[in-house]
Amino acid sequence: MPTVEGDEADVEIKPGTQPGTEIRLRGRGVPHLRRAVRGDLHVIVDVAVPTRLSKAEREALHAYAQASGEIVADGGGILDRVRDALG
């Protein structure tokens, strides 16, 4: 990720990191006006959720959800589930 200095910084995103988590990079921020030190750079984790998935991606997410104990609907979209519920 680019920093205020213009160079790149590696940011470790640990497994299980949630959206909105703040990661602080000490000494990589804006310099103080009257001192020879820099402030901290704060990185906020933002997760992009895909809007379209291939069949293989959908199946992989379905398998992951089942393996992690999530309740998984086997039908299509919400309209299909409502139609099934109404009979």
PDB file of N, CA and C in Angstrom:
ATOM      1  N   MET A   1       0.841  -1.169   0.000  1.00  0.00           N
ATOM      2  CA  MET A   1       0.000   0.000   0.000  1.00  0.00           C
ATOM      3  C   MET A   1       0.887   1.232   0.000  1.00  0.00           C
ATOM      4  N   PRO A   2       0.506   2.286  -0.714  1.00  0.00           N
ATOM      5  CA  PRO A   2       1.321   3.501  -0.719  1.00  0.00           C
ATOM      6  C   PRO A   2       1.214   4.256   0.601  1.00  0.00           C
ATOM      7  N   THR A   3       2.295   4.946   0.957  1.00  0.00           N
ATOM      8  CA  THR A   3       2.309   5.737   2.189  1.00  0.00           C
ATOM      9  C   THR A   3       2.403   7.218   1.832  1.00  0.00           C
ATOM     10  N   VAL A   4       2.369   8.090   2.840  1.00  0.00           N
ATOM     11  CA  VAL A   4       2.473   9.526   2.597  1.00  0.00           C
ATOM     12  C   VAL A   4       3.842   9.902   2.052  1.00  0.00           C
ATOM     13  N   GLU A   5       4.821   9.045   2.231  1.00  0.00           N
ATOM     14  CA  GLU A   5       6.166   9.284   1.709  1.00  0.00           C
ATOM     15  C   GLU A   5       6.269   8.942   0.232  1.00  0.00           C
ATOM     16  N   GLY A   6       5.272   8.242  -0.290  1.00  0.00           N
ATOM     17  CA  GLY A   6       5.277   7.842  -1.688  1.00  0.00           C
ATOM     18  C   GLY A   6       5.792   6.438  -1.925  1.00  0.00           C
ATOM     19  N   ASP A   7       6.397   5.819  -0.914  1.00  0.00           N
ATOM     20  CA  ASP A   7       6.888   4.454  -1.085  1.00  0.00           C
ATOM     21  C   ASP A   7       5.807   3.456  -0.695  1.00  0.00           C
ATOM     22  N   GLU A   8       6.120   2.206  -0.794  1.00  0.00           N
ATOM     23  CA  GLU A   8       5.175   1.143  -0.479  1.00  0.00           C
ATOM     24  C   GLU A   8       5.446   0.586   0.917  1.00  0.00           C
ATOM     25  N   ALA A   9       4.390   0.193   1.604  1.00  0.00           N
ATOM     26  CA  ALA A   9       4.515  -0.451   2.911  1.00  0.00           C
ATOM     27  C   ALA A   9       3.719  -1.742   2.886  1.00  0.00           C
ATOM     28  N   ASP A  10       4.313  -2.803   3.402  1.00  0.00           N
ATOM     29  CA  ASP A  10       3.595  -4.070   3.526  1.00  0.00           C
ATOM     30  C   ASP A  10       2.734  -4.016   4.772  1.00  0.00           C
ATOM     31  N   VAL A  11       1.480  -4.401   4.631  1.00  0.00           N
ATOM     32  CA  VAL A  11       0.555  -4.437   5.756  1.00  0.00           C
ATOM     33  C   VAL A  11       0.078  -5.871   5.896  1.00  0.00           C
ATOM     34  N   GLU A  12       0.300  -6.448   7.067  1.00  0.00           N
ATOM     35  CA  GLU A  12      -0.133  -7.822   7.309  1.00  0.00           C
ATOM     36  C   GLU A  12      -1.586  -7.816   7.767  1.00  0.00           C
ATOM     37  N   ILE A  13      -2.442  -8.484   6.999  1.00  0.00           N
ATOM     38  CA  ILE A  13      -3.842  -8.648   7.364  1.00  0.00           C
ATOM     39  C   ILE A  13      -3.973 -10.079   7.884  1.00  0.00           C
ATOM     40  N   LYS A  14      -4.120 -10.218   9.178  1.00  0.00           N
ATOM     41  CA  LYS A  14      -4.167 -11.543   9.794  1.00  0.00           C
ATOM     42  C   LYS A  14      -5.501 -12.222   9.522  1.00  0.00           C
ATOM     43  N   PRO A  15      -5.508 -13.553   9.476  1.00  0.00           N
ATOM     44  CA  PRO A  15      -6.767 -14.277   9.278  1.00  0.00           C
ATOM     45  C   PRO A  15      -7.780 -13.893  10.355  1.00  0.00           C
ATOM     46  N   GLY A  16      -9.027 -13.701   9.940  1.00  0.00           N
ATOM     47  CA  GLY A  16     -10.085 -13.350  10.875  1.00  0.00           C
ATOM     48  C   GLY A  16     -10.240 -11.857  11.085  1.00  0.00           C
ATOM     49  N   THR A  17      -9.398 -11.044  10.437  1.00  0.00           N
ATOM     50  CA  THR A  17      -9.520  -9.588  10.561  1.00  0.00           C
ATOM     51  C   THR A  17     -10.863  -9.149  10.010  1.00  0.00           C
ATOM     52  N   GLN A  18     -11.583  -8.351  10.767  1.00  0.00           N
ATOM     53  CA  GLN A  18     -12.932  -7.927  10.406  1.00  0.00           C
ATOM     54  C   GLN A  18     -12.915  -6.581   9.692  1.00  0.00           C
ATOM     55  N   PRO A  19     -13.933  -6.318   8.850  1.00  0.00           N
ATOM     56  CA  PRO A  19     -14.037  -4.999   8.219  1.00  0.00           C
ATOM     57  C   PRO A  19     -14.111  -3.913   9.285  1.00  0.00           C
ATOM     58  N   GLY A  20     -13.468  -2.790   9.021  1.00  0.00           N
ATOM     59  CA  GLY A  20     -13.459  -1.680   9.967  1.00  0.00           C
ATOM     60  C   GLY A  20     -12.320  -1.739  10.968  1.00  0.00           C
ATOM     61  N   THR A  21     -11.549  -2.824  10.966  1.00  0.00           N
ATOM     62  CA  THR A  21     -10.411  -2.941  11.868  1.00  0.00           C
ATOM     63  C   THR A  21      -9.358  -1.897  11.504  1.00  0.00           C
ATOM     64  N   GLU A  22      -8.776  -1.262  12.503  1.00  0.00           N
ATOM     65  CA  GLU A  22      -7.743  -0.254  12.283  1.00  0.00           C
ATOM     66  C   GLU A  22      -6.377  -0.869  12.572  1.00  0.00           C
ATOM     67  N   ILE A  23      -5.466  -0.723  11.617  1.00  0.00           N
ATOM     68  CA  ILE A  23      -4.101  -1.212  11.765  1.00  0.00           C
ATOM     69  C   ILE A  23      -3.190   0.013  11.786  1.00  0.00           C
ATOM     70  N   ARG A  24      -2.336   0.113  12.804  1.00  0.00           N
ATOM     71  CA  ARG A  24      -1.460   1.280  12.947  1.00  0.00           C
ATOM     72  C   ARG A  24      -0.047   0.932  12.506  1.00  0.00           C
ATOM     73  N   LEU A  25       0.502   1.749  11.607  1.00  0.00           N
ATOM     74  CA  LEU A  25       1.893   1.616  11.185  1.00  0.00           C
ATOM     75  C   LEU A  25       2.672   2.742  11.857  1.00  0.00           C
ATOM     76  N   ARG A  26       3.388   2.398  12.894  1.00  0.00           N
ATOM     77  CA  ARG A  26       4.108   3.402  13.693  1.00  0.00           C
ATOM     78  C   ARG A  26       5.212   4.076  12.873  1.00  0.00           C
ATOM     79  N   GLY A  27       5.231   5.413  12.967  1.00  0.00           N
ATOM     80  CA  GLY A  27       6.287   6.183  12.323  1.00  0.00           C
ATOM     81  C   GLY A  27       6.187   6.297  10.817  1.00  0.00           C
ATOM     82  N   ARG A  28       5.073   5.888  10.207  1.00  0.00           N
ATOM     83  CA  ARG A  28       4.929   5.938   8.748  1.00  0.00           C
ATOM     84  C   ARG A  28       3.974   7.034   8.289  1.00  0.00           C
ATOM     85  N   GLY A  29       3.519   7.884   9.218  1.00  0.00           N
ATOM     86  CA  GLY A  29       2.560   8.931   8.885  1.00  0.00           C
ATOM     87  C   GLY A  29       3.221  10.265   8.561  1.00  0.00           C
ATOM     88  N   VAL A  30       2.482  11.332   8.776  1.00  0.00           N
ATOM     89  CA  VAL A  30       2.917  12.695   8.465  1.00  0.00           C
ATOM     90  C   VAL A  30       3.952  13.159   9.494  1.00  0.00           C
ATOM     91  N   PRO A  31       4.992  13.885   9.050  1.00  0.00           N
ATOM     92  CA  PRO A  31       5.989  14.385  10.002  1.00  0.00           C
ATOM     93  C   PRO A  31       5.402  15.464  10.916  1.00  0.00           C
ATOM     94  N   HIS A  32       5.884  15.502  12.169  1.00  0.00           N
ATOM     95  CA  HIS A  32       5.501  16.570  13.090  1.00  0.00           C
ATOM     96  C   HIS A  32       6.181  17.859  12.635  1.00  0.00           C
ATOM     97  N   LEU A  33       5.542  18.994  12.891  1.00  0.00           N
ATOM     98  CA  LEU A  33       6.072  20.277  12.419  1.00  0.00           C
ATOM     99  C   LEU A  33       7.373  20.674  13.095  1.00  0.00           C
ATOM    100  N   ARG A  34       7.479  20.488  14.379  1.00  0.00           N
ATOM    101  CA  ARG A  34       8.637  21.012  15.119  1.00  0.00           C
ATOM    102  C   ARG A  34       9.579  19.916  15.643  1.00  0.00           C
ATOM    103  N   ARG A  35       9.367  18.710  15.206  1.00  0.00           N
ATOM    104  CA  ARG A  35      10.228  17.620  15.656  1.00  0.00           C
ATOM    105  C   ARG A  35      10.650  16.774  14.460  1.00  0.00           C
ATOM    106  N   ALA A  36      11.662  16.005  14.643  1.00  0.00           N
ATOM    107  CA  ALA A  36      12.186  15.169  13.558  1.00  0.00           C
ATOM    108  C   ALA A  36      11.593  13.765  13.600  1.00  0.00           C
ATOM    109  N   VAL A  37      10.346  13.656  14.024  1.00  0.00           N
ATOM    110  CA  VAL A  37       9.694  12.346  14.069  1.00  0.00           C
ATOM    111  C   VAL A  37       8.427  12.382  13.227  1.00  0.00           C
ATOM    112  N   ARG A  38       7.963  11.230  12.879  1.00  0.00           N
ATOM    113  CA  ARG A  38       6.728  11.097  12.098  1.00  0.00           C
ATOM    114  C   ARG A  38       5.633  10.531  12.977  1.00  0.00           C
ATOM    115  N   GLY A  39       4.410  10.868  12.626  1.00  0.00           N
ATOM    116  CA  GLY A  39       3.254  10.295  13.300  1.00  0.00           C
ATOM    117  C   GLY A  39       2.981   8.896  12.783  1.00  0.00           C
ATOM    118  N   ASP A  40       1.887   8.336  13.210  1.00  0.00           N
ATOM    119  CA  ASP A  40       1.516   6.987  12.788  1.00  0.00           C
ATOM    120  C   ASP A  40       0.556   7.047  11.603  1.00  0.00           C
ATOM    121  N   LEU A  41       0.636   6.052  10.750  1.00  0.00           N
ATOM    122  CA  LEU A  41      -0.284   5.904   9.629  1.00  0.00           C
ATOM    123  C   LEU A  41      -1.334   4.879  10.044  1.00  0.00           C
ATOM    124  N   HIS A  42      -2.596   5.243   9.964  1.00  0.00           N
ATOM    125  CA  HIS A  42      -3.683   4.344  10.350  1.00  0.00           C
ATOM    126  C   HIS A  42      -4.360   3.804   9.100  1.00  0.00           C
ATOM    127  N   VAL A  43      -4.453   2.487   9.009  1.00  0.00           N
ATOM    128  CA  VAL A  43      -5.072   1.811   7.879  1.00  0.00           C
ATOM    129  C   VAL A  43      -6.374   1.190   8.368  1.00  0.00           C
ATOM    130  N   ILE A  44      -7.467   1.469   7.677  1.00  0.00           N
ATOM    131  CA  ILE A  44      -8.764   0.885   8.010  1.00  0.00           C
ATOM    132  C   ILE A  44      -9.060  -0.210   6.989  1.00  0.00           C
ATOM    133  N   VAL A  45      -9.356  -1.419   7.469  1.00  0.00           N
ATOM    134  CA  VAL A  45      -9.634  -2.553   6.596  1.00  0.00           C
ATOM    135  C   VAL A  45     -11.030  -2.388   5.997  1.00  0.00           C
ATOM    136  N   ASP A  46     -11.097  -2.456   4.672  1.00  0.00           N
ATOM    137  CA  ASP A  46     -12.360  -2.358   3.946  1.00  0.00           C
ATOM    138  C   ASP A  46     -12.471  -3.596   3.067  1.00  0.00           C
ATOM    139  N   VAL A  47     -13.566  -4.320   3.172  1.00  0.00           N
ATOM    140  CA  VAL A  47     -13.739  -5.561   2.431  1.00  0.00           C
ATOM    141  C   VAL A  47     -14.673  -5.322   1.259  1.00  0.00           C
ATOM    142  N   ALA A  48     -14.216  -5.668   0.067  1.00  0.00           N
ATOM    143  CA  ALA A  48     -15.050  -5.559  -1.128  1.00  0.00           C
ATOM    144  C   ALA A  48     -15.759  -6.895  -1.341  1.00  0.00           C
ATOM    145  N   VAL A  49     -17.079  -6.862  -1.358  1.00  0.00           N
ATOM    146  CA  VAL A  49     -17.868  -8.069  -1.561  1.00  0.00           C
ATOM    147  C   VAL A  49     -18.217  -8.180  -3.050  1.00  0.00           C
ATOM    148  N   PRO A  50     -17.856  -9.292  -3.691  1.00  0.00           N
ATOM    149  CA  PRO A  50     -18.143  -9.413  -5.118  1.00  0.00           C
ATOM    150  C   PRO A  50     -19.650  -9.457  -5.380  1.00  0.00           C
ATOM    151  N   THR A  51     -20.056  -8.863  -6.492  1.00  0.00           N
ATOM    152  CA  THR A  51     -21.474  -8.843  -6.840  1.00  0.00           C
ATOM    153  C   THR A  51     -21.873 -10.024  -7.712  1.00  0.00           C
ATOM    154  N   ARG A  52     -20.914 -10.611  -8.379  1.00  0.00           N
ATOM    155  CA  ARG A  52     -21.196 -11.783  -9.211  1.00  0.00           C
ATOM    156  C   ARG A  52     -20.164 -12.865  -8.933  1.00  0.00           C
ATOM    157  N   LEU A  53     -20.632 -14.088  -8.834  1.00  0.00           N
ATOM    158  CA  LEU A  53     -19.753 -15.226  -8.590  1.00  0.00           C
ATOM    159  C   LEU A  53     -19.955 -16.262  -9.678  1.00  0.00           C
ATOM    160  N   SER A  54     -18.879 -16.936 -10.037  1.00  0.00           N
ATOM    161  CA  SER A  54     -18.998 -18.051 -10.975  1.00  0.00           C
ATOM    162  C   SER A  54     -19.619 -19.230 -10.227  1.00  0.00           C
ATOM    163  N   LYS A  55     -20.022 -20.240 -10.959  1.00  0.00           N
ATOM    164  CA  LYS A  55     -20.612 -21.428 -10.334  1.00  0.00           C
ATOM    165  C   LYS A  55     -19.602 -22.079  -9.382  1.00  0.00           C
ATOM    166  N   ALA A  56     -18.345 -22.166  -9.801  1.00  0.00           N
ATOM    167  CA  ALA A  56     -17.307 -22.777  -8.957  1.00  0.00           C
ATOM    168  C   ALA A  56     -17.088 -21.960  -7.678  1.00  0.00           C
ATOM    169  N   GLU A  57     -17.094 -20.618  -7.793  1.00  0.00           N
ATOM    170  CA  GLU A  57     -16.926 -19.764  -6.619  1.00  0.00           C
ATOM    171  C   GLU A  57     -18.104 -19.918  -5.657  1.00  0.00           C
ATOM    172  N   ARG A  58     -19.314 -19.968  -6.209  1.00  0.00           N
ATOM    173  CA  ARG A  58     -20.513 -20.128  -5.386  1.00  0.00           C
ATOM    174  C   ARG A  58     -20.478 -21.467  -4.654  1.00  0.00           C
ATOM    175  N   GLU A  59     -20.076 -22.534  -5.356  1.00  0.00           N
ATOM    176  CA  GLU A  59     -19.989 -23.858  -4.733  1.00  0.00           C
ATOM    177  C   GLU A  59     -18.926 -23.880  -3.636  1.00  0.00           C
ATOM    178  N   ALA A  60     -17.791 -23.202  -3.870  1.00  0.00           N
ATOM    179  CA  ALA A  60     -16.728 -23.154  -2.861  1.00  0.00           C
ATOM    180  C   ALA A  60     -17.206 -22.411  -1.613  1.00  0.00           C
ATOM    181  N   LEU A  61     -17.911 -21.301  -1.784  1.00  0.00           N
ATOM    182  CA  LEU A  61     -18.442 -20.564  -0.630  1.00  0.00           C
ATOM    183  C   LEU A  61     -19.504 -21.379   0.101  1.00  0.00           C
ATOM    184  N   HIS A  62     -20.317 -22.094  -0.641  1.00  0.00           N
ATOM    185  CA  HIS A  62     -21.347 -22.949  -0.054  1.00  0.00           C
ATOM    186  C   HIS A  62     -20.683 -24.032   0.807  1.00  0.00           C
ATOM    187  N   ALA A  63     -19.632 -24.672   0.269  1.00  0.00           N
ATOM    188  CA  ALA A  63     -18.917 -25.720   1.011  1.00  0.00           C
ATOM    189  C   ALA A  63     -18.246 -25.142   2.259  1.00  0.00           C
ATOM    190  N   TYR A  64     -17.675 -23.952   2.135  1.00  0.00           N
ATOM    191  CA  TYR A  64     -17.042 -23.308   3.286  1.00  0.00           C
ATOM    192  C   TYR A  64     -18.077 -22.996   4.367  1.00  0.00           C
ATOM    193  N   ALA A  65     -19.220 -22.463   3.964  1.00  0.00           N
ATOM    194  CA  ALA A  65     -20.271 -22.119   4.924  1.00  0.00           C
ATOM    195  C   ALA A  65     -20.751 -23.368   5.662  1.00  0.00           C
ATOM    196  N   GLN A  66     -20.945 -24.453   4.941  1.00  0.00           N
ATOM    197  CA  GLN A  66     -21.374 -25.703   5.577  1.00  0.00           C
ATOM    198  C   GLN A  66     -20.312 -26.212   6.541  1.00  0.00           C
ATOM    199  N   ALA A  67     -19.044 -26.149   6.137  1.00  0.00           N
ATOM    200  CA  ALA A  67     -17.953 -26.638   6.987  1.00  0.00           C
ATOM    201  C   ALA A  67     -17.800 -25.798   8.254  1.00  0.00           C
ATOM    202  N   SER A  68     -18.154 -24.519   8.189  1.00  0.00           N
ATOM    203  CA  SER A  68     -18.009 -23.660   9.357  1.00  0.00           C
ATOM    204  C   SER A  68     -19.280 -23.596  10.201  1.00  0.00           C
ATOM    205  N   GLY A  69     -20.275 -24.403   9.842  1.00  0.00           N
ATOM    206  CA  GLY A  69     -21.475 -24.504  10.659  1.00  0.00           C
ATOM    207  C   GLY A  69     -22.547 -23.479  10.351  1.00  0.00           C
ATOM    208  N   GLU A  70     -22.420 -22.770   9.257  1.00  0.00           N
ATOM    209  CA  GLU A  70     -23.440 -21.791   8.865  1.00  0.00           C
ATOM    210  C   GLU A  70     -24.676 -22.503   8.341  1.00  0.00           C
ATOM    211  N   ILE A  71     -25.820 -21.865   8.504  1.00  0.00           N
ATOM    212  CA  ILE A  71     -27.056 -22.380   7.920  1.00  0.00           C
ATOM    213  C   ILE A  71     -27.057 -21.978   6.455  1.00  0.00           C
ATOM    214  N   VAL A  72     -27.143 -22.978   5.580  1.00  0.00           N
ATOM    215  CA  VAL A  72     -27.030 -22.735   4.151  1.00  0.00           C
ATOM    216  C   VAL A  72     -28.342 -23.081   3.474  1.00  0.00           C
ATOM    217  N   ALA A  73     -28.888 -22.127   2.721  1.00  0.00           N
ATOM    218  CA  ALA A  73     -30.097 -22.374   1.939  1.00  0.00           C
ATOM    219  C   ALA A  73     -29.700 -23.069   0.649  1.00  0.00           C
ATOM    220  N   ASP A  74     -30.387 -24.141   0.312  1.00  0.00           N
ATOM    221  CA  ASP A  74     -30.044 -24.897  -0.892  1.00  0.00           C
ATOM    222  C   ASP A  74     -30.714 -24.351  -2.141  1.00  0.00           C
ATOM    223  N   GLY A  75     -31.749 -23.508  -1.961  1.00  0.00           N
ATOM    224  CA  GLY A  75     -32.466 -22.970  -3.112  1.00  0.00           C
ATOM    225  C   GLY A  75     -31.707 -21.867  -3.796  1.00  0.00           C
ATOM    226  N   GLY A  76     -32.377 -21.230  -4.747  1.00  0.00           N
ATOM    227  CA  GLY A  76     -31.777 -20.112  -5.469  1.00  0.00           C
ATOM    228  C   GLY A  76     -31.824 -18.858  -4.627  1.00  0.00           C
ATOM    229  N   GLY A  77     -32.494 -17.859  -5.151  1.00  0.00           N
ATOM    230  CA  GLY A  77     -32.586 -16.594  -4.452  1.00  0.00           C
ATOM    231  C   GLY A  77     -33.729 -16.578  -3.460  1.00  0.00           C
ATOM    232  N   ILE A  78     -33.992 -15.430  -2.906  1.00  0.00           N
ATOM    233  CA  ILE A  78     -35.028 -15.288  -1.883  1.00  0.00           C
ATOM    234  C   ILE A  78     -36.418 -15.551  -2.456  1.00  0.00           C
ATOM    235  N   LEU A  79     -36.655 -15.179  -3.696  1.00  0.00           N
ATOM    236  CA  LEU A  79     -37.969 -15.424  -4.303  1.00  0.00           C
ATOM    237  C   LEU A  79     -38.240 -16.914  -4.412  1.00  0.00           C
ATOM    238  N   ASP A  80     -37.234 -17.703  -4.756  1.00  0.00           N
ATOM    239  CA  ASP A  80     -37.407 -19.152  -4.816  1.00  0.00           C
ATOM    240  C   ASP A  80     -37.752 -19.724  -3.448  1.00  0.00           C
ATOM    241  N   ARG A  81     -37.124 -19.217  -2.402  1.00  0.00           N
ATOM    242  CA  ARG A  81     -37.412 -19.710  -1.049  1.00  0.00           C
ATOM    243  C   ARG A  81     -38.810 -19.324  -0.588  1.00  0.00           C
ATOM    244  N   VAL A  82     -39.265 -18.125  -0.976  1.00  0.00           N
ATOM    245  CA  VAL A  82     -40.624 -17.700  -0.605  1.00  0.00           C
ATOM    246  C   VAL A  82     -41.648 -18.562  -1.343  1.00  0.00           C
ATOM    247  N   ARG A  83     -41.412 -18.805  -2.620  1.00  0.00           N
ATOM    248  CA  ARG A  83     -42.332 -19.660  -3.398  1.00  0.00           C
ATOM    249  C   ARG A  83     -42.411 -21.057  -2.777  1.00  0.00           C
ATOM    250  N   ASP A  84     -41.251 -21.602  -2.374  1.00  0.00           N
ATOM    251  CA  ASP A  84     -41.248 -22.930  -1.758  1.00  0.00           C
ATOM    252  C   ASP A  84     -41.995 -22.930  -0.438  1.00  0.00           C
ATOM    253  N   ALA A  85     -41.845 -21.858   0.340  1.00  0.00           N
ATOM    254  CA  ALA A  85     -42.506 -21.784   1.634  1.00  0.00           C
ATOM    255  C   ALA A  85     -44.025 -21.673   1.488  1.00  0.00           C
ATOM    256  N   LEU A  86     -44.464 -20.965   0.446  1.00  0.00           N
ATOM    257  CA  LEU A  86     -45.902 -20.791   0.219  1.00  0.00           C
ATOM    258  C   LEU A  86     -46.533 -22.005  -0.436  1.00  0.00           C
ATOM    259  N   GLY A  87     -45.733 -22.845  -1.025  1.00  0.00           N
ATOM    260  CA  GLY A  87     -46.257 -24.068  -1.623  1.00  0.00           C
ATOM    261  C   GLY A  87     -46.722 -23.814  -2.977  1.00  0.00           C
TER     262      GLY A  87
END
